[in-house]
């Protein structure tokens, strides 16, 4: 069998394995193998060049994956599948306001909270209704509810 076709077949098998075993790493190995297979079919280089091509394609793919992952995380403080995402938009009640922070009751639990930057027009008072804008760790960032 042609070496380029073996690289292509191996790459497609790895891409298929990524579907069965999601983890985002086999994608880069599979894509590097497919690209290496295309280089082998087009130019038929020696073993050393093929190895270097595979390693370079693998490094480029992993680097691109890391950059894409960082870019996605910068978009919002809480992603749709992260802990705390279900709290955004919920309405709670301020239970206490102290110099170290405030506590907000949301459902049947109390949370540490702070007002969102720019919403310091009026000091929050116990009993005030607030809306959760985002979650930073275990602290709710809230604004006055309409």
Protein backbone atom coordinates (compact mmCIF):
# COMPACT_ATOMS: atom_id res chain seq x y z
CA UNK A 1 0.00 0.00 0.00
CA UNK A 2 1.17 3.54 -0.75
CA UNK A 3 2.75 5.29 2.33
CA UNK A 4 0.69 8.45 1.77
CA UNK A 5 -2.52 6.44 1.84
CA UNK A 6 -1.42 4.77 5.08
CA UNK A 7 -0.91 8.20 6.66
CA UNK A 8 -4.34 9.31 5.41
CA UNK A 9 -6.02 6.15 6.67
CA UNK A 10 -4.32 6.45 10.06
CA UNK A 11 -5.31 10.11 10.30
CA UNK A 12 -8.94 9.40 9.49
CA UNK A 13 -8.98 6.53 12.00
CA UNK A 14 -7.68 8.91 14.67
CA UNK A 15 -10.31 11.50 13.76
CA UNK A 16 -12.97 8.82 14.02
CA UNK A 17 -11.56 7.74 17.38
CA UNK A 18 -11.94 11.33 18.58
CA UNK A 19 -15.68 11.02 17.95
CA UNK A 20 -15.83 7.87 20.08
CA UNK A 21 -13.39 9.08 22.76
CA UNK A 22 -13.80 12.86 22.96
CA UNK A 23 -10.88 14.62 24.53
CA UNK A 24 -9.77 17.03 21.78
CA UNK A 25 -6.26 15.62 21.57
CA UNK A 26 -6.73 12.94 18.91
CA UNK A 27 -8.06 15.66 16.58
CA UNK A 28 -4.61 17.26 16.37
CA UNK A 29 -2.79 13.96 15.88
CA UNK A 30 -5.33 12.90 13.23
CA UNK A 31 -5.11 16.21 11.36
CA UNK A 32 -1.30 16.10 11.48
CA UNK A 33 -1.39 12.56 10.05
CA UNK A 34 -3.80 13.56 7.26
CA UNK A 35 -1.67 16.59 6.31
CA UNK A 36 1.47 14.44 6.39
CA UNK A 37 -0.27 11.92 4.14
CA UNK A 38 -1.07 14.67 1.64
CA UNK A 39 2.58 15.81 1.67
CA UNK A 40 3.75 12.23 1.10
CA UNK A 41 1.31 11.78 -1.80
CA UNK A 42 2.33 15.08 -3.37
CA UNK A 43 6.13 15.00 -2.96
CA UNK A 44 7.23 11.53 -1.76
CA UNK A 45 9.96 12.86 0.59
CA UNK A 46 12.29 10.69 2.65
CA UNK A 47 11.61 9.30 6.11
CA UNK A 48 13.30 12.21 7.92
CA UNK A 49 11.28 14.86 6.09
CA UNK A 50 8.04 12.92 6.70
CA UNK A 51 8.80 12.74 10.42
CA UNK A 52 9.60 16.44 10.59
CA UNK A 53 6.40 17.30 8.69
CA UNK A 54 4.31 15.25 11.10
CA UNK A 55 5.90 16.85 14.17
CA UNK A 56 5.54 20.38 12.74
CA UNK A 57 1.87 19.80 11.82
CA UNK A 58 1.23 18.34 15.28
CA UNK A 59 2.82 21.31 17.06
CA UNK A 60 0.90 23.79 14.87
CA UNK A 61 -2.37 21.99 15.57
CA UNK A 62 -1.84 21.85 19.33
CA UNK A 63 -0.81 25.52 19.39
CA UNK A 64 -3.93 26.48 17.43
CA UNK A 65 -6.08 24.44 19.81
CA UNK A 66 -4.59 26.14 22.86
CA UNK A 67 -5.11 29.59 21.34
CA UNK A 68 -8.71 28.78 20.41
CA UNK A 69 -9.35 27.52 23.94
CA UNK A 70 -7.99 30.72 25.47
CA UNK A 71 -10.03 32.85 23.08
CA UNK A 72 -13.24 31.04 23.99
CA UNK A 73 -12.63 31.46 27.73
CA UNK A 74 -12.08 35.22 27.45
CA UNK A 75 -15.60 35.80 26.09
CA UNK A 76 -17.54 35.56 29.37
CA UNK A 77 -16.90 35.00 33.04
CA UNK A 78 -19.21 31.98 33.12
CA UNK A 79 -19.76 29.62 30.18
CA UNK A 80 -23.04 27.80 29.54
CA UNK A 81 -21.86 24.49 31.04
CA UNK A 82 -19.90 25.87 33.96
CA UNK A 83 -20.92 25.86 37.59
CA UNK A 84 -22.91 28.98 38.34
CA UNK A 85 -24.32 29.48 34.85
CA UNK A 86 -27.79 28.56 36.10
CA UNK A 87 -27.66 31.42 38.59
CA UNK A 88 -27.33 34.18 36.01
CA UNK A 89 -30.56 36.14 35.66
CA UNK A 90 -32.07 34.82 38.89
CA UNK A 91 -33.61 37.22 41.39
CA UNK A 92 -32.48 37.22 45.01
CA UNK A 93 -32.88 39.23 48.19
CA UNK A 94 -30.15 41.06 50.10
CA UNK A 95 -30.03 39.64 53.63
CA UNK A 96 -27.13 41.60 55.09
CA UNK A 97 -24.73 44.35 54.15
CA UNK A 98 -21.45 44.54 56.06
CA UNK A 99 -18.12 46.28 55.44
CA UNK A 100 -16.61 42.98 54.26
CA UNK A 101 -19.40 42.34 51.74
CA UNK A 102 -23.04 41.46 51.42
CA UNK A 103 -25.03 38.26 51.54
CA UNK A 104 -27.84 37.47 49.11
CA UNK A 105 -30.48 34.78 49.54
CA UNK A 106 -31.11 32.92 46.31
CA UNK A 107 -33.65 30.15 46.61
CA UNK A 108 -32.82 28.25 49.80
CA UNK A 109 -29.15 29.26 50.10
CA UNK A 110 -27.15 32.34 51.00
CA UNK A 111 -24.35 33.62 48.78
CA UNK A 112 -21.56 36.16 49.12
CA UNK A 113 -22.26 38.98 46.69
CA UNK A 114 -21.10 42.35 45.46
CA UNK A 115 -22.65 45.02 43.30
CA UNK A 116 -21.46 45.18 39.71
CA UNK A 117 -19.00 47.97 38.94
CA UNK A 118 -20.83 51.16 38.06
CA UNK A 119 -23.98 50.27 40.03
CA UNK A 120 -22.96 51.99 43.25
CA UNK A 121 -25.58 54.74 43.03
CA UNK A 122 -27.36 53.60 46.17
CA UNK A 123 -26.07 51.44 48.97
CA UNK A 124 -27.92 48.12 49.04
CA UNK A 125 -30.25 47.58 51.98
CA UNK A 126 -31.42 44.33 53.54
CA UNK A 127 -34.62 43.22 51.83
CA UNK A 128 -33.68 44.83 48.49
CA UNK A 129 -34.29 42.68 45.40
CA UNK A 130 -31.26 42.08 43.16
CA UNK A 131 -30.58 40.27 39.89
CA UNK A 132 -27.50 38.06 39.34
CA UNK A 133 -25.41 39.34 36.42
CA UNK A 134 -22.51 36.88 36.62
CA UNK A 135 -20.65 34.61 39.02
CA UNK A 136 -16.98 35.07 39.93
CA UNK A 137 -15.88 31.97 41.79
CA UNK A 138 -18.38 31.76 44.64
CA UNK A 139 -19.32 35.46 44.66
CA UNK A 140 -22.44 36.66 42.89
CA UNK A 141 -22.15 39.93 40.98
CA UNK A 142 -25.56 41.58 41.25
CA UNK A 143 -27.46 44.66 40.13
CA UNK A 144 -30.70 46.12 41.50
CA UNK A 145 -33.69 44.21 40.13
CA UNK A 146 -36.26 46.21 38.18
